Amino acid sequence: MPEDEENGVVQANGTENVEEQVTPETLERRERARKLRMLFSPPEMLDDDGKINQTYFRPTRQLFNPLSIQSLKWSEWQDSALLAGITQHGLHDWSSIIVEYLPNWVCQFLQLFNM
């Protein structure tokens, strides 16, 4: 939420201005929080002035493309290997199934493909 500490205006939802009473205690609390962020947060998480950089929390890459799953074709041996893995490890231990039965597959693909 963008703030203008000098005149006490806080923008809500980025469009409308809502007046907030900024007391010296509020400013002191904000400064203390900024110093703690600067002390304990990773440098790439903060702007130079100590405010939180929101882009730090956005995903940097897509782990997999769900559309590419449609192009995957199961062969008979993969089908039987998957069934054997599920029989041995259950429906939620995808990592073990991949290690033992389907080493060329990615865990997220198996989870999505079997939904």
N, C-alpha and C. Protein backbone atom coordinates (compact mmCIF):
# COMPACT_ATOMS: atom_id res chain seq x y z
N MET A 1 0.85 -1.16 0.00
CA MET A 1 0.00 0.00 0.00
C MET A 1 0.90 1.23 0.00
N PRO A 2 0.88 2.05 -1.04
CA PRO A 2 1.72 3.24 -1.09
C PRO A 2 1.34 4.22 0.00
N GLU A 3 2.36 4.82 0.61
CA GLU A 3 2.11 5.75 1.69
C GLU A 3 2.87 7.04 1.44
N ASP A 4 2.31 8.11 1.88
CA ASP A 4 2.97 9.40 1.89
C ASP A 4 2.98 9.84 3.34
N GLU A 5 4.09 9.56 4.04
CA GLU A 5 4.13 9.78 5.48
C GLU A 5 4.11 11.25 5.86
N GLU A 6 4.57 12.11 4.98
CA GLU A 6 4.65 13.51 5.34
C GLU A 6 3.29 14.15 5.52
N ASN A 7 2.34 13.88 4.62
CA ASN A 7 1.03 14.52 4.76
C ASN A 7 -0.05 13.56 5.23
N GLY A 8 0.31 12.31 5.57
CA GLY A 8 -0.63 11.40 6.18
C GLY A 8 -1.65 10.81 5.24
N VAL A 9 -1.36 10.74 3.95
CA VAL A 9 -2.30 10.18 2.99
C VAL A 9 -1.87 8.77 2.65
N VAL A 10 -2.80 7.85 2.74
CA VAL A 10 -2.55 6.46 2.38
C VAL A 10 -3.47 6.13 1.22
N GLN A 11 -2.90 5.60 0.15
CA GLN A 11 -3.72 5.22 -1.00
C GLN A 11 -4.22 3.81 -0.80
N ALA A 12 -5.53 3.64 -0.84
CA ALA A 12 -6.14 2.30 -0.73
C ALA A 12 -6.49 1.83 -2.13
N ASN A 13 -6.12 0.62 -2.47
CA ASN A 13 -6.37 0.01 -3.78
C ASN A 13 -5.74 0.79 -4.92
N GLY A 14 -4.79 1.65 -4.60
CA GLY A 14 -4.07 2.37 -5.64
C GLY A 14 -4.85 3.49 -6.30
N THR A 15 -6.11 3.73 -5.92
CA THR A 15 -6.88 4.75 -6.63
C THR A 15 -7.42 5.84 -5.71
N GLU A 16 -8.04 5.48 -4.62
CA GLU A 16 -8.65 6.51 -3.80
C GLU A 16 -7.76 6.85 -2.61
N ASN A 17 -7.81 8.09 -2.19
CA ASN A 17 -7.03 8.54 -1.05
C ASN A 17 -7.88 8.50 0.20
N VAL A 18 -7.34 7.91 1.25
CA VAL A 18 -8.02 7.83 2.52
C VAL A 18 -7.15 8.54 3.54
N GLU A 19 -7.73 9.50 4.24
CA GLU A 19 -6.97 10.24 5.23
C GLU A 19 -6.72 9.37 6.45
N GLU A 20 -5.49 9.39 6.95
CA GLU A 20 -5.12 8.65 8.15
C GLU A 20 -4.36 9.61 9.04
N GLN A 21 -4.70 9.60 10.30
CA GLN A 21 -4.00 10.46 11.25
C GLN A 21 -2.64 9.84 11.53
N VAL A 22 -1.58 10.55 11.17
CA VAL A 22 -0.23 10.05 11.40
C VAL A 22 0.32 10.76 12.62
N THR A 23 0.45 9.99 13.67
CA THR A 23 0.95 10.53 14.93
C THR A 23 2.45 10.27 15.01
N PRO A 24 3.14 10.95 15.89
CA PRO A 24 4.58 10.68 16.06
C PRO A 24 4.84 9.21 16.45
N GLU A 25 3.92 8.60 17.20
CA GLU A 25 4.09 7.20 17.57
C GLU A 25 4.00 6.31 16.34
N THR A 26 3.09 6.64 15.43
CA THR A 26 2.95 5.87 14.19
C THR A 26 4.22 5.97 13.36
N LEU A 27 4.75 7.18 13.24
CA LEU A 27 5.98 7.36 12.47
C LEU A 27 7.14 6.62 13.12
N GLU A 28 7.20 6.65 14.46
CA GLU A 28 8.26 5.94 15.17
C GLU A 28 8.14 4.42 14.96
N ARG A 29 6.91 3.91 14.99
CA ARG A 29 6.67 2.48 14.78
C ARG A 29 7.06 2.08 13.35
N ARG A 30 6.73 2.91 12.39
CA ARG A 30 7.09 2.62 10.99
C ARG A 30 8.61 2.61 10.81
N GLU A 31 9.28 3.56 11.45
CA GLU A 31 10.74 3.63 11.33
C GLU A 31 11.39 2.41 12.00
N ARG A 32 10.86 1.98 13.13
CA ARG A 32 11.38 0.79 13.81
C ARG A 32 11.17 -0.45 12.93
N ALA A 33 10.02 -0.56 12.30
CA ALA A 33 9.74 -1.68 11.40
C ALA A 33 10.69 -1.66 10.20
N ARG A 34 10.94 -0.47 9.66
CA ARG A 34 11.85 -0.33 8.52
C ARG A 34 13.26 -0.79 8.90
N LYS A 35 13.71 -0.38 10.09
CA LYS A 35 15.05 -0.78 10.53
C LYS A 35 15.15 -2.29 10.74
N LEU A 36 14.10 -2.89 11.30
CA LEU A 36 14.10 -4.34 11.48
C LEU A 36 14.10 -5.07 10.14
N ARG A 37 13.33 -4.54 9.17
CA ARG A 37 13.34 -5.14 7.82
C ARG A 37 14.73 -5.06 7.22
N MET A 38 15.38 -3.90 7.37
CA MET A 38 16.72 -3.73 6.82
C MET A 38 17.72 -4.68 7.48
N LEU A 39 17.50 -4.97 8.75
CA LEU A 39 18.41 -5.82 9.49
C LEU A 39 18.23 -7.30 9.19
N PHE A 40 16.97 -7.76 9.08
CA PHE A 40 16.70 -9.18 8.99
C PHE A 40 16.26 -9.69 7.62
N SER A 41 15.93 -8.83 6.70
CA SER A 41 15.42 -9.28 5.39
C SER A 41 16.55 -9.41 4.39
N PRO A 42 16.39 -10.32 3.43
CA PRO A 42 17.39 -10.40 2.35
C PRO A 42 17.41 -9.10 1.56
N PRO A 43 18.56 -8.66 1.12
CA PRO A 43 18.67 -7.37 0.43
C PRO A 43 17.77 -7.25 -0.80
N GLU A 44 17.59 -8.34 -1.55
CA GLU A 44 16.78 -8.26 -2.76
C GLU A 44 15.29 -8.13 -2.45
N MET A 45 14.89 -8.30 -1.21
CA MET A 45 13.49 -8.19 -0.82
C MET A 45 13.08 -6.74 -0.56
N LEU A 46 14.06 -5.85 -0.38
CA LEU A 46 13.77 -4.47 -0.01
C LEU A 46 14.26 -3.49 -1.06
N ASP A 47 13.57 -2.35 -1.12
CA ASP A 47 14.06 -1.23 -1.91
C ASP A 47 15.17 -0.55 -1.13
N ASP A 48 15.82 0.42 -1.74
CA ASP A 48 16.91 1.12 -1.08
C ASP A 48 16.48 1.84 0.19
N ASP A 49 15.22 2.29 0.23
CA ASP A 49 14.74 3.02 1.40
C ASP A 49 14.15 2.11 2.48
N GLY A 50 14.22 0.78 2.29
CA GLY A 50 13.75 -0.15 3.31
C GLY A 50 12.32 -0.60 3.14
N LYS A 51 11.64 -0.14 2.11
CA LYS A 51 10.28 -0.60 1.87
C LYS A 51 10.32 -1.94 1.14
N ILE A 52 9.27 -2.71 1.31
CA ILE A 52 9.22 -4.05 0.73
C ILE A 52 9.04 -3.96 -0.78
N ASN A 53 9.88 -4.70 -1.49
CA ASN A 53 9.81 -4.79 -2.94
C ASN A 53 8.83 -5.91 -3.29
N GLN A 54 7.64 -5.57 -3.75
CA GLN A 54 6.59 -6.56 -3.99
C GLN A 54 6.95 -7.56 -5.08
N THR A 55 7.83 -7.19 -6.00
CA THR A 55 8.21 -8.12 -7.06
C THR A 55 9.01 -9.29 -6.52
N TYR A 56 9.58 -9.15 -5.33
CA TYR A 56 10.33 -10.23 -4.71
C TYR A 56 9.44 -11.45 -4.47
N PHE A 57 8.16 -11.22 -4.21
CA PHE A 57 7.25 -12.30 -3.86
C PHE A 57 6.54 -12.91 -5.06
N ARG A 58 6.75 -12.36 -6.24
CA ARG A 58 6.13 -12.93 -7.44
C ARG A 58 6.97 -14.08 -7.96
N PRO A 59 6.32 -15.10 -8.50
CA PRO A 59 7.09 -16.23 -9.05
C PRO A 59 7.98 -15.76 -10.19
N THR A 60 9.19 -16.29 -10.23
CA THR A 60 10.13 -15.87 -11.26
C THR A 60 10.05 -16.73 -12.51
N ARG A 61 9.55 -17.94 -12.35
CA ARG A 61 9.44 -18.80 -13.53
C ARG A 61 8.28 -19.76 -13.31
N GLN A 62 7.83 -20.31 -14.40
CA GLN A 62 6.75 -21.28 -14.33
C GLN A 62 7.38 -22.66 -14.21
N LEU A 63 6.96 -23.43 -13.21
CA LEU A 63 7.56 -24.74 -12.98
C LEU A 63 7.27 -25.71 -14.10
N PHE A 64 6.10 -25.64 -14.66
CA PHE A 64 5.74 -26.52 -15.76
C PHE A 64 4.60 -25.89 -16.53
N ASN A 65 4.45 -26.34 -17.74
CA ASN A 65 3.39 -25.83 -18.59
C ASN A 65 2.27 -26.87 -18.64
N PRO A 66 1.12 -26.59 -18.03
CA PRO A 66 0.04 -27.57 -18.02
C PRO A 66 -0.41 -27.98 -19.42
N LEU A 67 -0.25 -27.11 -20.39
CA LEU A 67 -0.64 -27.46 -21.76
C LEU A 67 0.26 -28.53 -22.35
N SER A 68 1.51 -28.60 -21.88
CA SER A 68 2.41 -29.60 -22.43
C SER A 68 2.03 -31.01 -21.98
N ILE A 69 1.24 -31.12 -20.92
CA ILE A 69 0.81 -32.43 -20.44
C ILE A 69 -0.06 -33.12 -21.49
N GLN A 70 -0.81 -32.32 -22.23
CA GLN A 70 -1.68 -32.90 -23.25
C GLN A 70 -0.88 -33.64 -24.31
N SER A 71 0.36 -33.21 -24.54
CA SER A 71 1.16 -33.85 -25.58
C SER A 71 1.84 -35.12 -25.08
N LEU A 72 1.81 -35.36 -23.77
CA LEU A 72 2.44 -36.55 -23.23
C LEU A 72 1.55 -37.76 -23.50
N LYS A 73 2.15 -38.80 -23.99
CA LYS A 73 1.42 -40.04 -24.27
C LYS A 73 1.95 -41.12 -23.35
N TRP A 74 1.05 -41.84 -22.72
CA TRP A 74 1.44 -42.96 -21.87
C TRP A 74 1.67 -44.18 -22.77
N SER A 75 2.79 -44.83 -22.54
CA SER A 75 2.99 -46.12 -23.20
C SER A 75 2.49 -47.21 -22.24
N GLU A 76 2.40 -48.42 -22.73
CA GLU A 76 1.89 -49.50 -21.88
C GLU A 76 2.80 -49.75 -20.68
N TRP A 77 4.12 -49.68 -20.89
CA TRP A 77 5.02 -49.95 -19.77
C TRP A 77 4.93 -48.84 -18.73
N GLN A 78 4.72 -47.57 -19.18
CA GLN A 78 4.58 -46.47 -18.22
C GLN A 78 3.29 -46.62 -17.42
N ASP A 79 2.25 -47.05 -18.09
CA ASP A 79 0.98 -47.26 -17.42
C ASP A 79 1.10 -48.34 -16.34
N SER A 80 1.74 -49.43 -16.69
CA SER A 80 1.91 -50.50 -15.71
C SER A 80 2.89 -50.09 -14.60
N ALA A 81 3.92 -49.32 -14.95
CA ALA A 81 4.87 -48.84 -13.94
C ALA A 81 4.18 -47.90 -12.96
N LEU A 82 3.33 -47.02 -13.47
CA LEU A 82 2.59 -46.11 -12.60
C LEU A 82 1.68 -46.87 -11.66
N LEU A 83 0.96 -47.84 -12.18
CA LEU A 83 0.07 -48.64 -11.34
C LEU A 83 0.85 -49.40 -10.27
N ALA A 84 2.00 -49.95 -10.64
CA ALA A 84 2.84 -50.65 -9.67
C ALA A 84 3.34 -49.69 -8.59
N GLY A 85 3.74 -48.49 -9.01
CA GLY A 85 4.21 -47.49 -8.05
C GLY A 85 3.12 -47.04 -7.10
N ILE A 86 1.92 -46.83 -7.62
CA ILE A 86 0.80 -46.43 -6.77
C ILE A 86 0.43 -47.56 -5.81
N THR A 87 0.50 -48.80 -6.31
CA THR A 87 0.20 -49.95 -5.45
C THR A 87 1.20 -50.03 -4.29
N GLN A 88 2.47 -49.78 -4.60
CA GLN A 88 3.51 -49.90 -3.57
C GLN A 88 3.56 -48.68 -2.65
N HIS A 89 3.45 -47.46 -3.22
CA HIS A 89 3.70 -46.24 -2.44
C HIS A 89 2.44 -45.44 -2.13
N GLY A 90 1.33 -45.74 -2.74
CA GLY A 90 0.11 -44.97 -2.51
C GLY A 90 0.00 -43.80 -3.47
N LEU A 91 -1.09 -43.05 -3.33
CA LEU A 91 -1.38 -41.96 -4.27
C LEU A 91 -0.62 -40.67 -3.98
N HIS A 92 0.06 -40.56 -2.85
CA HIS A 92 0.64 -39.26 -2.50
C HIS A 92 2.15 -39.25 -2.45
N ASP A 93 2.80 -40.37 -2.69
CA ASP A 93 4.27 -40.41 -2.64
C ASP A 93 4.83 -40.42 -4.05
N TRP A 94 4.60 -39.32 -4.76
CA TRP A 94 4.99 -39.24 -6.17
C TRP A 94 6.50 -39.31 -6.35
N SER A 95 7.24 -38.74 -5.42
CA SER A 95 8.70 -38.74 -5.56
C SER A 95 9.26 -40.16 -5.58
N SER A 96 8.77 -41.01 -4.69
CA SER A 96 9.25 -42.40 -4.66
C SER A 96 8.84 -43.15 -5.92
N ILE A 97 7.64 -42.89 -6.40
CA ILE A 97 7.18 -43.54 -7.64
C ILE A 97 8.09 -43.15 -8.80
N ILE A 98 8.45 -41.87 -8.87
CA ILE A 98 9.31 -41.41 -9.95
C ILE A 98 10.69 -42.04 -9.85
N VAL A 99 11.26 -42.08 -8.65
CA VAL A 99 12.61 -42.63 -8.48
C VAL A 99 12.65 -44.10 -8.88
N GLU A 100 11.67 -44.86 -8.45
CA GLU A 100 11.71 -46.30 -8.69
C GLU A 100 11.14 -46.73 -10.04
N TYR A 101 10.09 -46.04 -10.51
CA TYR A 101 9.37 -46.56 -11.68
C TYR A 101 9.40 -45.66 -12.91
N LEU A 102 9.39 -44.36 -12.72
CA LEU A 102 9.31 -43.44 -13.87
C LEU A 102 10.37 -42.35 -13.76
N PRO A 103 11.64 -42.68 -13.94
CA PRO A 103 12.71 -41.71 -13.70
C PRO A 103 12.72 -40.52 -14.66
N ASN A 104 12.07 -40.61 -15.79
CA ASN A 104 12.08 -39.50 -16.75
C ASN A 104 10.91 -38.54 -16.56
N TRP A 105 10.10 -38.76 -15.55
CA TRP A 105 8.94 -37.92 -15.32
C TRP A 105 9.19 -36.95 -14.18
N VAL A 106 8.44 -35.87 -14.18
CA VAL A 106 8.52 -34.85 -13.13
C VAL A 106 7.31 -35.02 -12.23
N CYS A 107 7.51 -34.82 -10.94
CA CYS A 107 6.46 -35.05 -9.95
C CYS A 107 5.18 -34.28 -10.28
N GLN A 108 5.30 -33.01 -10.68
CA GLN A 108 4.10 -32.21 -10.97
C GLN A 108 3.32 -32.77 -12.16
N PHE A 109 4.03 -33.33 -13.14
CA PHE A 109 3.34 -33.92 -14.29
C PHE A 109 2.49 -35.10 -13.85
N LEU A 110 3.06 -35.94 -13.01
CA LEU A 110 2.29 -37.10 -12.55
C LEU A 110 1.07 -36.68 -11.76
N GLN A 111 1.24 -35.69 -10.90
CA GLN A 111 0.11 -35.24 -10.09
C GLN A 111 -1.00 -34.68 -10.97
N LEU A 112 -0.66 -33.86 -11.94
CA LEU A 112 -1.67 -33.27 -12.82
C LEU A 112 -2.27 -34.31 -13.75
N PHE A 113 -1.44 -35.20 -14.25
CA PHE A 113 -1.91 -36.18 -15.22
C PHE A 113 -2.87 -37.17 -14.59
N ASN A 114 -2.76 -37.37 -13.28
CA ASN A 114 -3.60 -38.35 -12.60
C ASN A 114 -4.75 -37.73 -11.83
N MET A 115 -5.06 -36.48 -12.07
CA MET A 115 -6.19 -35.84 -11.38
C MET A 115 -7.49 -36.29 -12.00
